[in-house]
Amino acid sequence: MKKSLKICLKILAVLLMLFTGTFLIYIFNLDMKLTAAIEPWLLKHYDKIERDRHL
């Protein structure tokens, strides 16, 4: 009984930490801030790609 309670509490703690992490990412818009930070590198990479412009 005690062992299963400890396991349930650990699972609950992990789920709570995951929820808190995703909530903070959402509230502070961190996903778009990260995207904005790496956009110049992505543009530089994709500008180098050879394109076939024939119709």
PDB file of N, CA and C in Angstrom:
ATOM      1  N   MET A   1       0.832  -1.200   0.000  1.00  0.00           N
ATOM      2  CA  MET A   1       0.000   0.000   0.000  1.00  0.00           C
ATOM      3  C   MET A   1       0.872   1.257   0.000  1.00  0.00           C
ATOM      4  N   LYS A   2       1.878   1.292   0.876  1.00  0.00           N
ATOM      5  CA  LYS A   2       2.752   2.459   0.953  1.00  0.00           C
ATOM      6  C   LYS A   2       3.558   2.634  -0.322  1.00  0.00           C
ATOM      7  N   LYS A   3       3.972   1.516  -0.896  1.00  0.00           N
ATOM      8  CA  LYS A   3       4.793   1.577  -2.107  1.00  0.00           C
ATOM      9  C   LYS A   3       3.987   2.148  -3.275  1.00  0.00           C
ATOM     10  N   SER A   4       2.752   1.723  -3.412  1.00  0.00           N
ATOM     11  CA  SER A   4       1.916   2.229  -4.499  1.00  0.00           C
ATOM     12  C   SER A   4       1.583   3.708  -4.294  1.00  0.00           C
ATOM     13  N   LEU A   5       1.443   4.136  -3.047  1.00  0.00           N
ATOM     14  CA  LEU A   5       1.181   5.535  -2.748  1.00  0.00           C
ATOM     15  C   LEU A   5       2.389   6.390  -3.136  1.00  0.00           C
ATOM     16  N   LYS A   6       3.593   5.900  -2.839  1.00  0.00           N
ATOM     17  CA  LYS A   6       4.811   6.631  -3.200  1.00  0.00           C
ATOM     18  C   LYS A   6       4.929   6.755  -4.722  1.00  0.00           C
ATOM     19  N   ILE A   7       4.610   5.694  -5.428  1.00  0.00           N
ATOM     20  CA  ILE A   7       4.682   5.717  -6.893  1.00  0.00           C
ATOM     21  C   ILE A   7       3.666   6.702  -7.449  1.00  0.00           C
ATOM     22  N   CYS A   8       2.464   6.686  -6.910  1.00  0.00           N
ATOM     23  CA  CYS A   8       1.426   7.623  -7.364  1.00  0.00           C
ATOM     24  C   CYS A   8       1.827   9.067  -7.097  1.00  0.00           C
ATOM     25  N   LEU A   9       2.432   9.330  -5.937  1.00  0.00           N
ATOM     26  CA  LEU A   9       2.883  10.684  -5.620  1.00  0.00           C
ATOM     27  C   LEU A   9       4.004  11.134  -6.556  1.00  0.00           C
ATOM     28  N   LYS A  10       4.911  10.224  -6.898  1.00  0.00           N
ATOM     29  CA  LYS A  10       5.990  10.565  -7.833  1.00  0.00           C
ATOM     30  C   LYS A  10       5.429  10.864  -9.215  1.00  0.00           C
ATOM     31  N   ILE A  11       4.480  10.062  -9.668  1.00  0.00           N
ATOM     32  CA  ILE A  11       3.858  10.301 -10.977  1.00  0.00           C
ATOM     33  C   ILE A  11       3.117  11.638 -10.960  1.00  0.00           C
ATOM     34  N   LEU A  12       2.408  11.917  -9.891  1.00  0.00           N
ATOM     35  CA  LEU A  12       1.698  13.186  -9.758  1.00  0.00           C
ATOM     36  C   LEU A  12       2.670  14.365  -9.760  1.00  0.00           C
ATOM     37  N   ALA A  13       3.794  14.225  -9.080  1.00  0.00           N
ATOM     38  CA  ALA A  13       4.796  15.290  -9.040  1.00  0.00           C
ATOM     39  C   ALA A  13       5.373  15.548 -10.430  1.00  0.00           C
ATOM     40  N   VAL A  14       5.667  14.493 -11.168  1.00  0.00           N
ATOM     41  CA  VAL A  14       6.207  14.646 -12.526  1.00  0.00           C
ATOM     42  C   VAL A  14       5.176  15.318 -13.431  1.00  0.00           C
ATOM     43  N   LEU A  15       3.929  14.894 -13.347  1.00  0.00           N
ATOM     44  CA  LEU A  15       2.878  15.510 -14.161  1.00  0.00           C
ATOM     45  C   LEU A  15       2.687  16.985 -13.807  1.00  0.00           C
ATOM     46  N   LEU A  16       2.760  17.297 -12.534  1.00  0.00           N
ATOM     47  CA  LEU A  16       2.632  18.684 -12.098  1.00  0.00           C
ATOM     48  C   LEU A  16       3.788  19.532 -12.623  1.00  0.00           C
ATOM     49  N   MET A  17       5.007  18.990 -12.612  1.00  0.00           N
ATOM     50  CA  MET A  17       6.161  19.722 -13.142  1.00  0.00           C
ATOM     51  C   MET A  17       6.030  19.927 -14.646  1.00  0.00           C
ATOM     52  N   LEU A  18       5.565  18.912 -15.359  1.00  0.00           N
ATOM     53  CA  LEU A  18       5.373  19.050 -16.801  1.00  0.00           C
ATOM     54  C   LEU A  18       4.305  20.090 -17.125  1.00  0.00           C
ATOM     55  N   PHE A  19       3.221  20.056 -16.382  1.00  0.00           N
ATOM     56  CA  PHE A  19       2.165  21.052 -16.587  1.00  0.00           C
ATOM     57  C   PHE A  19       2.681  22.454 -16.300  1.00  0.00           C
ATOM     58  N   THR A  20       3.416  22.617 -15.215  1.00  0.00           N
ATOM     59  CA  THR A  20       3.956  23.928 -14.860  1.00  0.00           C
ATOM     60  C   THR A  20       4.911  24.423 -15.947  1.00  0.00           C
ATOM     61  N   GLY A  21       5.749  23.540 -16.457  1.00  0.00           N
ATOM     62  CA  GLY A  21       6.681  23.923 -17.518  1.00  0.00           C
ATOM     63  C   GLY A  21       5.966  24.372 -18.770  1.00  0.00           C
ATOM     64  N   THR A  22       4.988  23.604 -19.206  1.00  0.00           N
ATOM     65  CA  THR A  22       4.263  23.985 -20.417  1.00  0.00           C
ATOM     66  C   THR A  22       3.425  25.241 -20.191  1.00  0.00           C
ATOM     67  N   PHE A  23       2.916  25.415 -18.984  1.00  0.00           N
ATOM     68  CA  PHE A  23       2.153  26.619 -18.664  1.00  0.00           C
ATOM     69  C   PHE A  23       3.044  27.855 -18.740  1.00  0.00           C
ATOM     70  N   LEU A  24       4.256  27.768 -18.217  1.00  0.00           N
ATOM     71  CA  LEU A  24       5.184  28.902 -18.269  1.00  0.00           C
ATOM     72  C   LEU A  24       5.597  29.209 -19.704  1.00  0.00           C
ATOM     73  N   ILE A  25       5.803  28.175 -20.507  1.00  0.00           N
ATOM     74  CA  ILE A  25       6.128  28.382 -21.925  1.00  0.00           C
ATOM     75  C   ILE A  25       4.980  29.120 -22.604  1.00  0.00           C
ATOM     76  N   TYR A  26       3.763  28.747 -22.306  1.00  0.00           N
ATOM     77  CA  TYR A  26       2.589  29.391 -22.905  1.00  0.00           C
ATOM     78  C   TYR A  26       2.432  30.833 -22.431  1.00  0.00           C
ATOM     79  N   ILE A  27       2.525  31.060 -21.135  1.00  0.00           N
ATOM     80  CA  ILE A  27       2.296  32.385 -20.565  1.00  0.00           C
ATOM     81  C   ILE A  27       3.331  33.392 -21.061  1.00  0.00           C
ATOM     82  N   PHE A  28       4.601  32.999 -21.102  1.00  0.00           N
ATOM     83  CA  PHE A  28       5.654  33.919 -21.504  1.00  0.00           C
ATOM     84  C   PHE A  28       5.965  33.859 -22.997  1.00  0.00           C
ATOM     85  N   ASN A  29       5.192  33.086 -23.763  1.00  0.00           N
ATOM     86  CA  ASN A  29       5.326  32.999 -25.214  1.00  0.00           C
ATOM     87  C   ASN A  29       6.744  32.595 -25.616  1.00  0.00           C
ATOM     88  N   LEU A  30       7.331  31.674 -24.873  1.00  0.00           N
ATOM     89  CA  LEU A  30       8.723  31.310 -25.082  1.00  0.00           C
ATOM     90  C   LEU A  30       8.949  30.559 -26.383  1.00  0.00           C
ATOM     91  N   ASP A  31       7.929  29.864 -26.881  1.00  0.00           N
ATOM     92  CA  ASP A  31       8.113  29.149 -28.136  1.00  0.00           C
ATOM     93  C   ASP A  31       8.332  30.117 -29.286  1.00  0.00           C
ATOM     94  N   MET A  32       7.600  31.211 -29.330  1.00  0.00           N
ATOM     95  CA  MET A  32       7.772  32.186 -30.405  1.00  0.00           C
ATOM     96  C   MET A  32       9.045  33.000 -30.220  1.00  0.00           C
ATOM     97  N   LYS A  33       9.459  33.207 -28.979  1.00  0.00           N
ATOM     98  CA  LYS A  33      10.717  33.909 -28.735  1.00  0.00           C
ATOM     99  C   LYS A  33      11.888  33.060 -29.213  1.00  0.00           C
ATOM    100  N   LEU A  34      11.817  31.759 -28.990  1.00  0.00           N
ATOM    101  CA  LEU A  34      12.860  30.861 -29.487  1.00  0.00           C
ATOM    102  C   LEU A  34      12.865  30.840 -31.007  1.00  0.00           C
ATOM    103  N   THR A  35      11.683  30.785 -31.601  1.00  0.00           N
ATOM    104  CA  THR A  35      11.580  30.796 -33.059  1.00  0.00           C
ATOM    105  C   THR A  35      12.162  32.082 -33.632  1.00  0.00           C
ATOM    106  N   ALA A  36      11.881  33.211 -33.016  1.00  0.00           N
ATOM    107  CA  ALA A  36      12.422  34.482 -33.476  1.00  0.00           C
ATOM    108  C   ALA A  36      13.938  34.528 -33.332  1.00  0.00           C
ATOM    109  N   ALA A  37      14.469  33.863 -32.316  1.00  0.00           N
ATOM    110  CA  ALA A  37      15.917  33.859 -32.103  1.00  0.00           C
ATOM    111  C   ALA A  37      16.640  33.015 -33.152  1.00  0.00           C
ATOM    112  N   ILE A  38      16.037  31.912 -33.591  1.00  0.00           N
ATOM    113  CA  ILE A  38      16.720  31.046 -34.557  1.00  0.00           C
ATOM    114  C   ILE A  38      16.332  31.346 -35.998  1.00  0.00           C
ATOM    115  N   GLU A  39      15.395  32.267 -36.208  1.00  0.00           N
ATOM    116  CA  GLU A  39      14.949  32.579 -37.566  1.00  0.00           C
ATOM    117  C   GLU A  39      16.081  33.034 -38.488  1.00  0.00           C
ATOM    118  N   PRO A  40      17.004  33.910 -38.050  1.00  0.00           N
ATOM    119  CA  PRO A  40      18.085  34.317 -38.963  1.00  0.00           C
ATOM    120  C   PRO A  40      18.927  33.136 -39.453  1.00  0.00           C
ATOM    121  N   TRP A  41      19.201  32.186 -38.586  1.00  0.00           N
ATOM    122  CA  TRP A  41      19.975  31.005 -38.999  1.00  0.00           C
ATOM    123  C   TRP A  41      19.184  30.165 -39.989  1.00  0.00           C
ATOM    124  N   LEU A  42      17.877  30.028 -39.745  1.00  0.00           N
ATOM    125  CA  LEU A  42      17.044  29.256 -40.669  1.00  0.00           C
ATOM    126  C   LEU A  42      16.957  29.935 -42.035  1.00  0.00           C
ATOM    127  N   LEU A  43      16.786  31.264 -42.059  1.00  0.00           N
ATOM    128  CA  LEU A  43      16.714  31.987 -43.317  1.00  0.00           C
ATOM    129  C   LEU A  43      18.022  31.863 -44.091  1.00  0.00           C
ATOM    130  N   LYS A  44      19.135  31.962 -43.371  1.00  0.00           N
ATOM    131  CA  LYS A  44      20.444  31.824 -44.011  1.00  0.00           C
ATOM    132  C   LYS A  44      20.592  30.444 -44.646  1.00  0.00           C
ATOM    133  N   HIS A  45      20.141  29.435 -43.943  1.00  0.00           N
ATOM    134  CA  HIS A  45      20.224  28.063 -44.460  1.00  0.00           C
ATOM    135  C   HIS A  45      19.344  27.876 -45.690  1.00  0.00           C
ATOM    136  N   TYR A  46      18.100  28.316 -45.607  1.00  0.00           N
ATOM    137  CA  TYR A  46      17.162  28.087 -46.704  1.00  0.00           C
ATOM    138  C   TYR A  46      17.428  28.997 -47.903  1.00  0.00           C
ATOM    139  N   ASP A  47      18.108  30.123 -47.689  1.00  0.00           N
ATOM    140  CA  ASP A  47      18.480  30.970 -48.817  1.00  0.00           C
ATOM    141  C   ASP A  47      19.581  30.333 -49.654  1.00  0.00           C
ATOM    142  N   LYS A  48      20.365  29.425 -49.074  1.00  0.00           N
ATOM    143  CA  LYS A  48      21.449  28.754 -49.784  1.00  0.00           C
ATOM    144  C   LYS A  48      20.954  27.617 -50.668  1.00  0.00           C
ATOM    145  N   ILE A  49      19.751  27.134 -50.441  1.00  0.00           N
ATOM    146  CA  ILE A  49      19.248  25.974 -51.164  1.00  0.00           C
ATOM    147  C   ILE A  49      18.984  26.338 -52.635  1.00  0.00           C
ATOM    148  N   GLU A  50      19.486  25.475 -53.512  1.00  0.00           N
ATOM    149  CA  GLU A  50      19.268  25.662 -54.944  1.00  0.00           C
ATOM    150  C   GLU A  50      17.809  25.390 -55.265  1.00  0.00           C
ATOM    151  N   ARG A  51      17.203  26.261 -56.082  1.00  0.00           N
ATOM    152  CA  ARG A  51      15.784  26.099 -56.425  1.00  0.00           C
ATOM    153  C   ARG A  51      15.614  25.878 -57.901  1.00  0.00           C
ATOM    154  N   ASP A  52      14.652  25.056 -58.249  1.00  0.00           N
ATOM    155  CA  ASP A  52      14.288  24.813 -59.633  1.00  0.00           C
ATOM    156  C   ASP A  52      13.129  25.742 -59.970  1.00  0.00           C
ATOM    157  N   ARG A  53      13.371  26.743 -60.803  1.00  0.00           N
ATOM    158  CA  ARG A  53      12.358  27.759 -61.076  1.00  0.00           C
ATOM    159  C   ARG A  53      11.676  27.558 -62.429  1.00  0.00           C
ATOM    160  N   HIS A  54      11.814  26.390 -63.022  1.00  0.00           N
ATOM    161  CA  HIS A  54      11.175  26.145 -64.310  1.00  0.00           C
ATOM    162  C   HIS A  54       9.697  25.832 -64.114  1.00  0.00           C
ATOM    163  N   LEU A  55       8.892  26.337 -65.027  1.00  0.00           N
ATOM    164  CA  LEU A  55       7.463  26.066 -64.941  1.00  0.00           C
ATOM    165  C   LEU A  55       7.086  24.838 -65.696  1.00  0.00           C
TER     166      LEU A  55
END
